[in-house]
Amino acid sequence: MRKNKYNAVKVKIDGITFDSKLEAKRYGELRLLEYADKISNLTVHRRWPLYSQLAGVAIDSRGALVGHYESDFDYRENNSLIVEDCKGVVTALSAWKIKHFGIQHGMKVRIIRK
C-alpha cells in the first residue's frame, strides 16, 4: 500500500471511508450534534460541480463544467447550510477549489484543522 505523502491514515466508520483521523473525529462530533438535534441533514463527501463561463463552450447558463469540489461534510445549523472541509495541509489545488466553490455558491467553507 502506498503511503500518504501527508501521513494521513484512512479510517472507516459506519461504512464510510475517511481520508484522515481528523476527518473521522469530526464525523463523530457531527453525529453527536445531529443526535442532540443541534444540526440536521448531515451529508458526507458531497460532490459539488464547479462551472466556468470562460472554459470554452457553455453547457448551459452556468457555463462549462471544469471540475468538482468534494466537501467533507455539509449540514444544516440554525436553518443555514454549513460546508466543512478538514485540512491538515491546504494544497494549491484544494485552495483553488474552495475559493471557486465560495464564489460560485456564495458561501464560505469552514476549514477544520487539527
PDB file of N, CA and C in Angstrom:
ATOM      1  N   MET A   1       0.830  -1.177   0.000  1.00  0.00           N
ATOM      2  CA  MET A   1       0.000   0.000   0.000  1.00  0.00           C
ATOM      3  C   MET A   1       0.878   1.245   0.000  1.00  0.00           C
ATOM      4  N   ARG A   2       0.541   2.211  -0.839  1.00  0.00           N
ATOM      5  CA  ARG A   2       1.310   3.448  -0.960  1.00  0.00           C
ATOM      6  C   ARG A   2       1.036   4.353   0.238  1.00  0.00           C
ATOM      7  N   LYS A   3       2.093   4.897   0.809  1.00  0.00           N
ATOM      8  CA  LYS A   3       1.981   5.780   1.960  1.00  0.00           C
ATOM      9  C   LYS A   3       1.509   7.164   1.505  1.00  0.00           C
ATOM     10  N   ASN A   4       0.610   7.773   2.278  1.00  0.00           N
ATOM     11  CA  ASN A   4       0.137   9.114   2.000  1.00  0.00           C
ATOM     12  C   ASN A   4       1.264  10.107   2.257  1.00  0.00           C
ATOM     13  N   LYS A   5       1.468  11.050   1.339  1.00  0.00           N
ATOM     14  CA  LYS A   5       2.602  11.965   1.492  1.00  0.00           C
ATOM     15  C   LYS A   5       2.430  12.939   2.643  1.00  0.00           C
ATOM     16  N   TYR A   6       1.215  13.080   3.174  1.00  0.00           N
ATOM     17  CA  TYR A   6       0.986  13.941   4.332  1.00  0.00           C
ATOM     18  C   TYR A   6       0.792  13.119   5.608  1.00  0.00           C
ATOM     19  N   ASN A   7       1.106  11.831   5.557  1.00  0.00           N
ATOM     20  CA  ASN A   7       0.988  10.896   6.674  1.00  0.00           C
ATOM     21  C   ASN A   7      -0.442  10.718   7.188  1.00  0.00           C
ATOM     22  N   ALA A   8      -1.423  10.990   6.343  1.00  0.00           N
ATOM     23  CA  ALA A   8      -2.814  10.785   6.726  1.00  0.00           C
ATOM     24  C   ALA A   8      -3.122   9.285   6.722  1.00  0.00           C
ATOM     25  N   VAL A   9      -3.927   8.857   7.674  1.00  0.00           N
ATOM     26  CA  VAL A   9      -4.315   7.455   7.801  1.00  0.00           C
ATOM     27  C   VAL A   9      -5.811   7.346   7.534  1.00  0.00           C
ATOM     28  N   LYS A  10      -6.188   6.508   6.566  1.00  0.00           N
ATOM     29  CA  LYS A  10      -7.607   6.318   6.270  1.00  0.00           C
ATOM     30  C   LYS A  10      -8.278   5.586   7.434  1.00  0.00           C
ATOM     31  N   VAL A  11      -9.528   6.000   7.716  1.00  0.00           N
ATOM     32  CA  VAL A  11     -10.308   5.422   8.810  1.00  0.00           C
ATOM     33  C   VAL A  11     -11.696   5.129   8.274  1.00  0.00           C
ATOM     34  N   LYS A  12     -12.253   3.967   8.654  1.00  0.00           N
ATOM     35  CA  LYS A  12     -13.601   3.597   8.209  1.00  0.00           C
ATOM     36  C   LYS A  12     -14.541   3.559   9.416  1.00  0.00           C
ATOM     37  N   ILE A  13     -15.642   4.331   9.335  1.00  0.00           N
ATOM     38  CA  ILE A  13     -16.665   4.375  10.381  1.00  0.00           C
ATOM     39  C   ILE A  13     -18.025   4.346   9.700  1.00  0.00           C
ATOM     40  N   ASP A  14     -18.941   3.550  10.230  1.00  0.00           N
ATOM     41  CA  ASP A  14     -20.302   3.452   9.681  1.00  0.00           C
ATOM     42  C   ASP A  14     -20.291   3.141   8.187  1.00  0.00           C
ATOM     43  N   GLY A  15     -19.289   2.405   7.723  1.00  0.00           N
ATOM     44  CA  GLY A  15     -19.192   2.048   6.314  1.00  0.00           C
ATOM     45  C   GLY A  15     -18.669   3.167   5.423  1.00  0.00           C
ATOM     46  N   ILE A  16     -18.243   4.271   6.017  1.00  0.00           N
ATOM     47  CA  ILE A  16     -17.727   5.425   5.274  1.00  0.00           C
ATOM     48  C   ILE A  16     -16.213   5.493   5.483  1.00  0.00           C
ATOM     49  N   THR A  17     -15.460   5.627   4.390  1.00  0.00           N
ATOM     50  CA  THR A  17     -14.010   5.752   4.486  1.00  0.00           C
ATOM     51  C   THR A  17     -13.644   7.229   4.522  1.00  0.00           C
ATOM     52  N   PHE A  18     -12.918   7.606   5.557  1.00  0.00           N
ATOM     53  CA  PHE A  18     -12.451   8.975   5.724  1.00  0.00           C
ATOM     54  C   PHE A  18     -10.974   9.022   5.396  1.00  0.00           C
ATOM     55  N   ASP A  19     -10.519  10.137   4.832  1.00  0.00           N
ATOM     56  CA  ASP A  19      -9.130  10.264   4.392  1.00  0.00           C
ATOM     57  C   ASP A  19      -8.146  10.478   5.524  1.00  0.00           C
ATOM     58  N   SER A  20      -8.639  10.811   6.728  1.00  0.00           N
ATOM     59  CA  SER A  20      -7.727  11.077   7.839  1.00  0.00           C
ATOM     60  C   SER A  20      -8.422  10.838   9.173  1.00  0.00           C
ATOM     61  N   LYS A  21      -7.608  10.738  10.216  1.00  0.00           N
ATOM     62  CA  LYS A  21      -8.144  10.608  11.574  1.00  0.00           C
ATOM     63  C   LYS A  21      -8.896  11.877  11.967  1.00  0.00           C
ATOM     64  N   LEU A  22      -8.407  13.034  11.524  1.00  0.00           N
ATOM     65  CA  LEU A  22      -9.062  14.305  11.808  1.00  0.00           C
ATOM     66  C   LEU A  22     -10.483  14.319  11.242  1.00  0.00           C
ATOM     67  N   GLU A  23     -10.626  13.880  10.002  1.00  0.00           N
ATOM     68  CA  GLU A  23     -11.934  13.840   9.357  1.00  0.00           C
ATOM     69  C   GLU A  23     -12.863  12.857  10.065  1.00  0.00           C
ATOM     70  N   ALA A  24     -12.352  11.699  10.450  1.00  0.00           N
ATOM     71  CA  ALA A  24     -13.156  10.704  11.159  1.00  0.00           C
ATOM     72  C   ALA A  24     -13.592  11.230  12.527  1.00  0.00           C
ATOM     73  N   LYS A  25     -12.691  11.925  13.205  1.00  0.00           N
ATOM     74  CA  LYS A  25     -13.021  12.517  14.512  1.00  0.00           C
ATOM     75  C   LYS A  25     -14.123  13.554  14.365  1.00  0.00           C
ATOM     76  N   ARG A  26     -14.004  14.399  13.343  1.00  0.00           N
ATOM     77  CA  ARG A  26     -15.020  15.429  13.125  1.00  0.00           C
ATOM     78  C   ARG A  26     -16.366  14.797  12.791  1.00  0.00           C
ATOM     79  N   TYR A  27     -16.371  13.706  12.048  1.00  0.00           N
ATOM     80  CA  TYR A  27     -17.608  12.988  11.747  1.00  0.00           C
ATOM     81  C   TYR A  27     -18.284  12.552  13.041  1.00  0.00           C
ATOM     82  N   GLY A  28     -17.513  12.000  13.977  1.00  0.00           N
ATOM     83  CA  GLY A  28     -18.071  11.585  15.266  1.00  0.00           C
ATOM     84  C   GLY A  28     -18.681  12.752  16.020  1.00  0.00           C
ATOM     85  N   GLU A  29     -18.003  13.904  15.994  1.00  0.00           N
ATOM     86  CA  GLU A  29     -18.528  15.099  16.657  1.00  0.00           C
ATOM     87  C   GLU A  29     -19.840  15.550  16.018  1.00  0.00           C
ATOM     88  N   LEU A  30     -19.880  15.549  14.683  1.00  0.00           N
ATOM     89  CA  LEU A  30     -21.085  15.980  13.982  1.00  0.00           C
ATOM     90  C   LEU A  30     -22.245  15.011  14.200  1.00  0.00           C
ATOM     91  N   ARG A  31     -21.939  13.717  14.264  1.00  0.00           N
ATOM     92  CA  ARG A  31     -23.005  12.724  14.540  1.00  0.00           C
ATOM     93  C   ARG A  31     -23.611  12.967  15.919  1.00  0.00           C
ATOM     94  N   LEU A  32     -22.782  13.301  16.911  1.00  0.00           N
ATOM     95  CA  LEU A  32     -23.299  13.615  18.245  1.00  0.00           C
ATOM     96  C   LEU A  32     -24.167  14.869  18.211  1.00  0.00           C
ATOM     97  N   LEU A  33     -23.733  15.893  17.480  1.00  0.00           N
ATOM     98  CA  LEU A  33     -24.531  17.113  17.355  1.00  0.00           C
ATOM     99  C   LEU A  33     -25.855  16.846  16.653  1.00  0.00           C
ATOM    100  N   GLU A  34     -25.832  15.964  15.665  1.00  0.00           N
ATOM    101  CA  GLU A  34     -27.066  15.603  14.955  1.00  0.00           C
ATOM    102  C   GLU A  34     -28.000  14.844  15.894  1.00  0.00           C
ATOM    103  N   TYR A  35     -27.453  13.932  16.672  1.00  0.00           N
ATOM    104  CA  TYR A  35     -28.242  13.154  17.628  1.00  0.00           C
ATOM    105  C   TYR A  35     -28.872  14.074  18.684  1.00  0.00           C
ATOM    106  N   ALA A  36     -28.161  15.136  19.064  1.00  0.00           N
ATOM    107  CA  ALA A  36     -28.645  16.095  20.065  1.00  0.00           C
ATOM    108  C   ALA A  36     -29.539  17.173  19.434  1.00  0.00           C
ATOM    109  N   ASP A  37     -29.864  17.027  18.150  1.00  0.00           N
ATOM    110  CA  ASP A  37     -30.710  17.977  17.412  1.00  0.00           C
ATOM    111  C   ASP A  37     -30.123  19.389  17.337  1.00  0.00           C
ATOM    112  N   LYS A  38     -28.803  19.506  17.391  1.00  0.00           N
ATOM    113  CA  LYS A  38     -28.130  20.800  17.224  1.00  0.00           C
ATOM    114  C   LYS A  38     -27.894  21.096  15.745  1.00  0.00           C
ATOM    115  N   ILE A  39     -27.751  20.030  14.933  1.00  0.00           N
ATOM    116  CA  ILE A  39     -27.628  20.146  13.482  1.00  0.00           C
ATOM    117  C   ILE A  39     -28.551  19.109  12.850  1.00  0.00           C
ATOM    118  N   SER A  40     -28.779  19.248  11.534  1.00  0.00           N
ATOM    119  CA  SER A  40     -29.604  18.266  10.817  1.00  0.00           C
ATOM    120  C   SER A  40     -29.060  18.080   9.403  1.00  0.00           C
ATOM    121  N   ASN A  41     -29.565  17.059   8.742  1.00  0.00           N
ATOM    122  CA  ASN A  41     -29.234  16.788   7.337  1.00  0.00           C
ATOM    123  C   ASN A  41     -27.730  16.645   7.080  1.00  0.00           C
ATOM    124  N   LEU A  42     -27.030  15.950   7.945  1.00  0.00           N
ATOM    125  CA  LEU A  42     -25.599  15.732   7.772  1.00  0.00           C
ATOM    126  C   LEU A  42     -25.342  14.897   6.520  1.00  0.00           C
ATOM    127  N   THR A  43     -24.498  15.428   5.650  1.00  0.00           N
ATOM    128  CA  THR A  43     -24.109  14.733   4.423  1.00  0.00           C
ATOM    129  C   THR A  43     -22.585  14.631   4.413  1.00  0.00           C
ATOM    130  N   VAL A  44     -22.080  13.482   3.979  1.00  0.00           N
ATOM    131  CA  VAL A  44     -20.639  13.225   3.937  1.00  0.00           C
ATOM    132  C   VAL A  44     -20.197  13.116   2.481  1.00  0.00           C
ATOM    133  N   HIS A  45     -19.109  13.791   2.147  1.00  0.00           N
ATOM    134  CA  HIS A  45     -18.446  13.705   0.839  1.00  0.00           C
ATOM    135  C   HIS A  45     -19.369  14.057  -0.335  1.00  0.00           C
ATOM    136  N   ARG A  46     -20.076  15.157  -0.211  1.00  0.00           N
ATOM    137  CA  ARG A  46     -20.921  15.610  -1.319  1.00  0.00           C
ATOM    138  C   ARG A  46     -20.035  16.214  -2.406  1.00  0.00           C
ATOM    139  N   ARG A  47     -20.317  15.856  -3.651  1.00  0.00           N
ATOM    140  CA  ARG A  47     -19.585  16.424  -4.798  1.00  0.00           C
ATOM    141  C   ARG A  47     -20.378  17.589  -5.361  1.00  0.00           C
ATOM    142  N   TRP A  48     -19.725  18.748  -5.402  1.00  0.00           N
ATOM    143  CA  TRP A  48     -20.337  19.973  -5.916  1.00  0.00           C
ATOM    144  C   TRP A  48     -19.699  20.281  -7.277  1.00  0.00           C
ATOM    145  N   PRO A  49     -20.491  20.400  -8.337  1.00  0.00           N
ATOM    146  CA  PRO A  49     -19.899  20.735  -9.637  1.00  0.00           C
ATOM    147  C   PRO A  49     -19.382  22.171  -9.644  1.00  0.00           C
ATOM    148  N   LEU A  50     -18.274  22.383 -10.338  1.00  0.00           N
ATOM    149  CA  LEU A  50     -17.691  23.715 -10.497  1.00  0.00           C
ATOM    150  C   LEU A  50     -17.768  24.095 -11.973  1.00  0.00           C
ATOM    151  N   TYR A  51     -18.333  25.259 -12.242  1.00  0.00           N
ATOM    152  CA  TYR A  51     -18.538  25.724 -13.612  1.00  0.00           C
ATOM    153  C   TYR A  51     -17.723  26.982 -13.878  1.00  0.00           C
ATOM    154  N   SER A  52     -17.444  27.226 -15.147  1.00  0.00           N
ATOM    155  CA  SER A  52     -16.747  28.447 -15.549  1.00  0.00           C
ATOM    156  C   SER A  52     -17.359  28.969 -16.840  1.00  0.00           C
ATOM    157  N   GLN A  53     -17.572  30.257 -16.888  1.00  0.00           N
ATOM    158  CA  GLN A  53     -18.051  30.897 -18.122  1.00  0.00           C
ATOM    159  C   GLN A  53     -16.914  31.035 -19.131  1.00  0.00           C
ATOM    160  N   LEU A  54     -15.682  30.917 -18.654  1.00  0.00           N
ATOM    161  CA  LEU A  54     -14.526  31.158 -19.514  1.00  0.00           C
ATOM    162  C   LEU A  54     -13.917  29.885 -20.087  1.00  0.00           C
ATOM    163  N   ALA A  55     -14.442  28.732 -19.709  1.00  0.00           N
ATOM    164  CA  ALA A  55     -13.807  27.458 -20.084  1.00  0.00           C
ATOM    165  C   ALA A  55     -14.432  26.867 -21.344  1.00  0.00           C
ATOM    166  N   GLY A  56     -14.318  27.558 -22.425  1.00  0.00           N
ATOM    167  CA  GLY A  56     -14.788  27.002 -23.685  1.00  0.00           C
ATOM    168  C   GLY A  56     -16.288  27.133 -23.852  1.00  0.00           C
ATOM    169  N   VAL A  57     -16.885  26.143 -24.465  1.00  0.00           N
ATOM    170  CA  VAL A  57     -18.305  26.176 -24.809  1.00  0.00           C
ATOM    171  C   VAL A  57     -19.144  25.930 -23.564  1.00  0.00           C
ATOM    172  N   ALA A  58     -20.111  26.799 -23.333  1.00  0.00           N
ATOM    173  CA  ALA A  58     -21.001  26.659 -22.180  1.00  0.00           C
ATOM    174  C   ALA A  58     -21.977  25.516 -22.409  1.00  0.00           C
ATOM    175  N   ILE A  59     -22.149  24.686 -21.387  1.00  0.00           N
ATOM    176  CA  ILE A  59     -23.113  23.594 -21.446  1.00  0.00           C
ATOM    177  C   ILE A  59     -24.517  24.153 -21.265  1.00  0.00           C
ATOM    178  N   ASP A  60     -24.666  25.067 -20.355  1.00  0.00           N
ATOM    179  CA  ASP A  60     -25.937  25.740 -20.095  1.00  0.00           C
ATOM    180  C   ASP A  60     -25.625  27.113 -19.514  1.00  0.00           C
ATOM    181  N   SER A  61     -26.585  27.747 -18.877  1.00  0.00           N
ATOM    182  CA  SER A  61     -26.385  29.113 -18.381  1.00  0.00           C
ATOM    183  C   SER A  61     -25.311  29.206 -17.302  1.00  0.00           C
ATOM    184  N   ARG A  62     -24.972  28.076 -16.661  1.00  0.00           N
ATOM    185  CA  ARG A  62     -23.933  28.087 -15.623  1.00  0.00           C
ATOM    186  C   ARG A  62     -22.535  28.117 -16.202  1.00  0.00           C
ATOM    187  N   GLY A  63     -22.379  27.701 -17.429  1.00  0.00           N
ATOM    188  CA  GLY A  63     -21.065  27.636 -18.053  1.00  0.00           C
ATOM    189  C   GLY A  63     -20.645  26.202 -18.263  1.00  0.00           C
ATOM    190  N   ALA A  64     -19.365  26.007 -18.504  1.00  0.00           N
ATOM    191  CA  ALA A  64     -18.819  24.673 -18.748  1.00  0.00           C
ATOM    192  C   ALA A  64     -18.353  24.063 -17.426  1.00  0.00           C
ATOM    193  N   LEU A  65     -18.585  22.790 -17.275  1.00  0.00           N
ATOM    194  CA  LEU A  65     -18.116  22.068 -16.094  1.00  0.00           C
ATOM    195  C   LEU A  65     -16.591  21.974 -16.154  1.00  0.00           C
ATOM    196  N   VAL A  66     -15.914  22.476 -15.095  1.00  0.00           N
ATOM    197  CA  VAL A  66     -14.445  22.450 -15.086  1.00  0.00           C
ATOM    198  C   VAL A  66     -13.889  21.530 -14.003  1.00  0.00           C
ATOM    199  N   GLY A  67     -14.753  20.981 -13.172  1.00  0.00           N
ATOM    200  CA  GLY A  67     -14.301  20.080 -12.123  1.00  0.00           C
ATOM    201  C   GLY A  67     -15.323  19.964 -11.026  1.00  0.00           C
ATOM    202  N   HIS A  68     -14.908  19.368  -9.928  1.00  0.00           N
ATOM    203  CA  HIS A  68     -15.783  19.186  -8.764  1.00  0.00           C
ATOM    204  C   HIS A  68     -15.029  19.546  -7.496  1.00  0.00           C
ATOM    205  N   TYR A  69     -15.778  20.029  -6.526  1.00  0.00           N
ATOM    206  CA  TYR A  69     -15.254  20.211  -5.178  1.00  0.00           C
ATOM    207  C   TYR A  69     -15.992  19.210  -4.306  1.00  0.00           C
ATOM    208  N   GLU A  70     -15.265  18.382  -3.573  1.00  0.00           N
ATOM    209  CA  GLU A  70     -15.888  17.415  -2.671  1.00  0.00           C
ATOM    210  C   GLU A  70     -15.686  17.887  -1.240  1.00  0.00           C
ATOM    211  N   SER A  71     -16.795  18.310  -0.633  1.00  0.00           N
ATOM    212  CA  SER A  71     -16.720  18.752   0.767  1.00  0.00           C
ATOM    213  C   SER A  71     -16.648  17.522   1.658  1.00  0.00           C
ATOM    214  N   ASP A  72     -16.041  17.666   2.811  1.00  0.00           N
ATOM    215  CA  ASP A  72     -16.028  16.560   3.758  1.00  0.00           C
ATOM    216  C   ASP A  72     -17.407  16.399   4.380  1.00  0.00           C
ATOM    217  N   PHE A  73     -18.023  17.529   4.757  1.00  0.00           N
ATOM    218  CA  PHE A  73     -19.338  17.488   5.400  1.00  0.00           C
ATOM    219  C   PHE A  73     -20.144  18.711   4.998  1.00  0.00           C
ATOM    220  N   ASP A  74     -21.458  18.539   4.951  1.00  0.00           N
ATOM    221  CA  ASP A  74     -22.353  19.685   4.946  1.00  0.00           C
ATOM    222  C   ASP A  74     -23.570  19.304   5.777  1.00  0.00           C
ATOM    223  N   TYR A  75     -24.153  20.315   6.390  1.00  0.00           N
ATOM    224  CA  TYR A  75     -25.277  20.097   7.292  1.00  0.00           C
ATOM    225  C   TYR A  75     -26.022  21.403   7.513  1.00  0.00           C
ATOM    226  N   ARG A  76     -27.176  21.300   8.120  1.00  0.00           N
ATOM    227  CA  ARG A  76     -27.979  22.469   8.468  1.00  0.00           C
ATOM    228  C   ARG A  76     -27.782  22.786   9.941  1.00  0.00           C
ATOM    229  N   GLU A  77     -27.508  24.064  10.226  1.00  0.00           N
ATOM    230  CA  GLU A  77     -27.368  24.541  11.592  1.00  0.00           C
ATOM    231  C   GLU A  77     -28.108  25.882  11.663  1.00  0.00           C
ATOM    232  N   ASN A  78     -29.109  25.974  12.541  1.00  0.00           N
ATOM    233  CA  ASN A  78     -29.915  27.199  12.652  1.00  0.00           C
ATOM    234  C   ASN A  78     -30.449  27.642  11.290  1.00  0.00           C
ATOM    235  N   ASN A  79     -30.922  26.684  10.523  1.00  0.00           N
ATOM    236  CA  ASN A  79     -31.523  26.912   9.196  1.00  0.00           C
ATOM    237  C   ASN A  79     -30.537  27.422   8.141  1.00  0.00           C
ATOM    238  N   SER A  80     -29.244  27.359   8.404  1.00  0.00           N
ATOM    239  CA  SER A  80     -28.221  27.740   7.433  1.00  0.00           C
ATOM    240  C   SER A  80     -27.452  26.502   6.997  1.00  0.00           C
ATOM    241  N   LEU A  81     -27.052  26.491   5.731  1.00  0.00           N
ATOM    242  CA  LEU A  81     -26.224  25.401   5.224  1.00  0.00           C
ATOM    243  C   LEU A  81     -24.770  25.686   5.577  1.00  0.00           C
ATOM    244  N   ILE A  82     -24.131  24.742   6.241  1.00  0.00           N
ATOM    245  CA  ILE A  82     -22.720  24.839   6.613  1.00  0.00           C
ATOM    246  C   ILE A  82     -21.954  23.793   5.811  1.00  0.00           C
ATOM    247  N   VAL A  83     -20.854  24.211   5.201  1.00  0.00           N
ATOM    248  CA  VAL A  83     -19.983  23.306   4.445  1.00  0.00           C
ATOM    249  C   VAL A  83     -18.628  23.289   5.142  1.00  0.00           C
ATOM    250  N   GLU A  84     -18.118  22.080   5.419  1.00  0.00           N
ATOM    251  CA  GLU A  84     -16.848  21.938   6.131  1.00  0.00           C
ATOM    252  C   GLU A  84     -15.865  21.078   5.348  1.00  0.00           C
ATOM    253  N   ASP A  85     -14.601  21.396   5.555  1.00  0.00           N
ATOM    254  CA  ASP A  85     -13.509  20.609   4.989  1.00  0.00           C
ATOM    255  C   ASP A  85     -12.431  20.484   6.058  1.00  0.00           C
ATOM    256  N   CYS A  86     -12.019  19.263   6.352  1.00  0.00           N
ATOM    257  CA  CYS A  86     -10.955  19.010   7.337  1.00  0.00           C
ATOM    258  C   CYS A  86      -9.628  19.012   6.591  1.00  0.00           C
ATOM    259  N   LYS A  87      -8.718  19.880   7.007  1.00  0.00           N
ATOM    260  CA  LYS A  87      -7.446  20.014   6.306  1.00  0.00           C
ATOM    261  C   LYS A  87      -6.285  20.026   7.278  1.00  0.00           C
ATOM    262  N   GLY A  88      -5.363  19.122   7.073  1.00  0.00           N
ATOM    263  CA  GLY A  88      -4.088  19.186   7.766  1.00  0.00           C
ATOM    264  C   GLY A  88      -3.165  20.081   6.964  1.00  0.00           C
ATOM    265  N   VAL A  89      -3.242  19.949   5.629  1.00  0.00           N
ATOM    266  CA  VAL A  89      -2.439  20.737   4.701  1.00  0.00           C
ATOM    267  C   VAL A  89      -3.356  21.261   3.603  1.00  0.00           C
ATOM    268  N   VAL A  90      -3.320  22.555   3.349  1.00  0.00           N
ATOM    269  CA  VAL A  90      -4.092  23.142   2.257  1.00  0.00           C
ATOM    270  C   VAL A  90      -3.167  23.244   1.047  1.00  0.00           C
ATOM    271  N   THR A  91      -3.460  22.459   0.022  1.00  0.00           N
ATOM    272  CA  THR A  91      -2.657  22.492  -1.204  1.00  0.00           C
ATOM    273  C   THR A  91      -3.160  23.611  -2.107  1.00  0.00           C
ATOM    274  N   ALA A  92      -2.405  23.931  -3.131  1.00  0.00           N
ATOM    275  CA  ALA A  92      -2.820  24.961  -4.087  1.00  0.00           C
ATOM    276  C   ALA A  92      -4.130  24.560  -4.768  1.00  0.00           C
ATOM    277  N   LEU A  93      -4.258  23.277  -5.137  1.00  0.00           N
ATOM    278  CA  LEU A  93      -5.484  22.816  -5.800  1.00  0.00           C
ATOM    279  C   LEU A  93      -6.683  22.894  -4.862  1.00  0.00           C
ATOM    280  N   SER A  94      -6.526  22.438  -3.613  1.00  0.00           N
ATOM    281  CA  SER A  94      -7.667  22.489  -2.694  1.00  0.00           C
ATOM    282  C   SER A  94      -8.050  23.931  -2.384  1.00  0.00           C
ATOM    283  N   ALA A  95      -7.071  24.837  -2.275  1.00  0.00           N
ATOM    284  CA  ALA A  95      -7.369  26.254  -2.037  1.00  0.00           C
ATOM    285  C   ALA A  95      -8.155  26.836  -3.211  1.00  0.00           C
ATOM    286  N   TRP A  96      -7.753  26.491  -4.440  1.00  0.00           N
ATOM    287  CA  TRP A  96      -8.462  26.973  -5.622  1.00  0.00           C
ATOM    288  C   TRP A  96      -9.894  26.453  -5.647  1.00  0.00           C
ATOM    289  N   LYS A  97     -10.089  25.163  -5.371  1.00  0.00           N
ATOM    290  CA  LYS A  97     -11.436  24.590  -5.397  1.00  0.00           C
ATOM    291  C   LYS A  97     -12.333  25.214  -4.329  1.00  0.00           C
ATOM    292  N   ILE A  98     -11.787  25.435  -3.141  1.00  0.00           N
ATOM    293  CA  ILE A  98     -12.559  26.051  -2.058  1.00  0.00           C
ATOM    294  C   ILE A  98     -12.938  27.480  -2.440  1.00  0.00           C
ATOM    295  N   LYS A  99     -12.001  28.216  -3.033  1.00  0.00           N
ATOM    296  CA  LYS A  99     -12.284  29.593  -3.451  1.00  0.00           C
ATOM    297  C   LYS A  99     -13.335  29.610  -4.561  1.00  0.00           C
ATOM    298  N   HIS A 100     -13.185  28.749  -5.551  1.00  0.00           N
ATOM    299  CA  HIS A 100     -14.135  28.652  -6.668  1.00  0.00           C
ATOM    300  C   HIS A 100     -15.523  28.298  -6.136  1.00  0.00           C
ATOM    301  N   PHE A 101     -15.591  27.319  -5.239  1.00  0.00           N
ATOM    302  CA  PHE A 101     -16.864  26.925  -4.634  1.00  0.00           C
ATOM    303  C   PHE A 101     -17.511  28.122  -3.944  1.00  0.00           C
ATOM    304  N   GLY A 102     -16.721  28.859  -3.152  1.00  0.00           N
ATOM    305  CA  GLY A 102     -17.241  30.009  -2.424  1.00  0.00           C
ATOM    306  C   GLY A 102     -17.816  31.070  -3.334  1.00  0.00           C
ATOM    307  N   ILE A 103     -17.114  31.362  -4.425  1.00  0.00           N
ATOM    308  CA  ILE A 103     -17.585  32.364  -5.376  1.00  0.00           C
ATOM    309  C   ILE A 103     -18.851  31.874  -6.074  1.00  0.00           C
ATOM    310  N   GLN A 104     -18.840  30.637  -6.506  1.00  0.00           N
ATOM    311  CA  GLN A 104     -19.976  30.088  -7.256  1.00  0.00           C
ATOM    312  C   GLN A 104     -21.221  29.962  -6.398  1.00  0.00           C
ATOM    313  N   HIS A 105     -21.081  29.547  -5.155  1.00  0.00           N
ATOM    314  CA  HIS A 105     -22.235  29.271  -4.301  1.00  0.00           C
ATOM    315  C   HIS A 105     -22.512  30.371  -3.276  1.00  0.00           C
ATOM    316  N   GLY A 106     -21.642  31.369  -3.208  1.00  0.00           N
ATOM    317  CA  GLY A 106     -21.869  32.488  -2.305  1.00  0.00           C
ATOM    318  C   GLY A 106     -21.796  32.114  -0.833  1.00  0.00           C
ATOM    319  N   MET A 107     -20.940  31.167  -0.510  1.00  0.00           N
ATOM    320  CA  MET A 107     -20.767  30.778   0.892  1.00  0.00           C
ATOM    321  C   MET A 107     -19.323  30.389   1.154  1.00  0.00           C
ATOM    322  N   LYS A 108     -18.918  30.514   2.405  1.00  0.00           N
ATOM    323  CA  LYS A 108     -17.566  30.150   2.798  1.00  0.00           C
ATOM    324  C   LYS A 108     -17.538  28.698   3.251  1.00  0.00           C
ATOM    325  N   VAL A 109     -16.417  28.060   3.024  1.00  0.00           N
ATOM    326  CA  VAL A 109     -16.180  26.715   3.529  1.00  0.00           C
ATOM    327  C   VAL A 109     -15.495  26.863   4.880  1.00  0.00           C
ATOM    328  N   ARG A 110     -16.025  26.189   5.868  1.00  0.00           N
ATOM    329  CA  ARG A 110     -15.429  26.203   7.213  1.00  0.00           C
ATOM    330  C   ARG A 110     -14.300  25.174   7.222  1.00  0.00           C
ATOM    331  N   ILE A 111     -13.073  25.638   7.428  1.00  0.00           N
ATOM    332  CA  ILE A 111     -11.909  24.741   7.451  1.00  0.00           C
ATOM    333  C   ILE A 111     -11.696  24.270   8.889  1.00  0.00           C
ATOM    334  N   ILE A 112     -11.635  22.944   9.070  1.00  0.00           N
ATOM    335  CA  ILE A 112     -11.393  22.328  10.362  1.00  0.00           C
ATOM    336  C   ILE A 112      -9.941  21.864  10.368  1.00  0.00           C
ATOM    337  N   ARG A 113      -9.193  22.326  11.341  1.00  0.00           N
ATOM    338  CA  ARG A 113      -7.777  21.958  11.470  1.00  0.00           C
ATOM    339  C   ARG A 113      -7.559  21.141  12.717  1.00  0.00           C
ATOM    340  N   LYS A 114      -6.385  20.531  12.817  1.00  0.00           N
ATOM    341  CA  LYS A 114      -6.026  19.688  13.967  1.00  0.00           C
ATOM    342  C   LYS A 114      -6.168  20.421  15.264  1.00  0.00           C
TER     343      LYS A 114
END
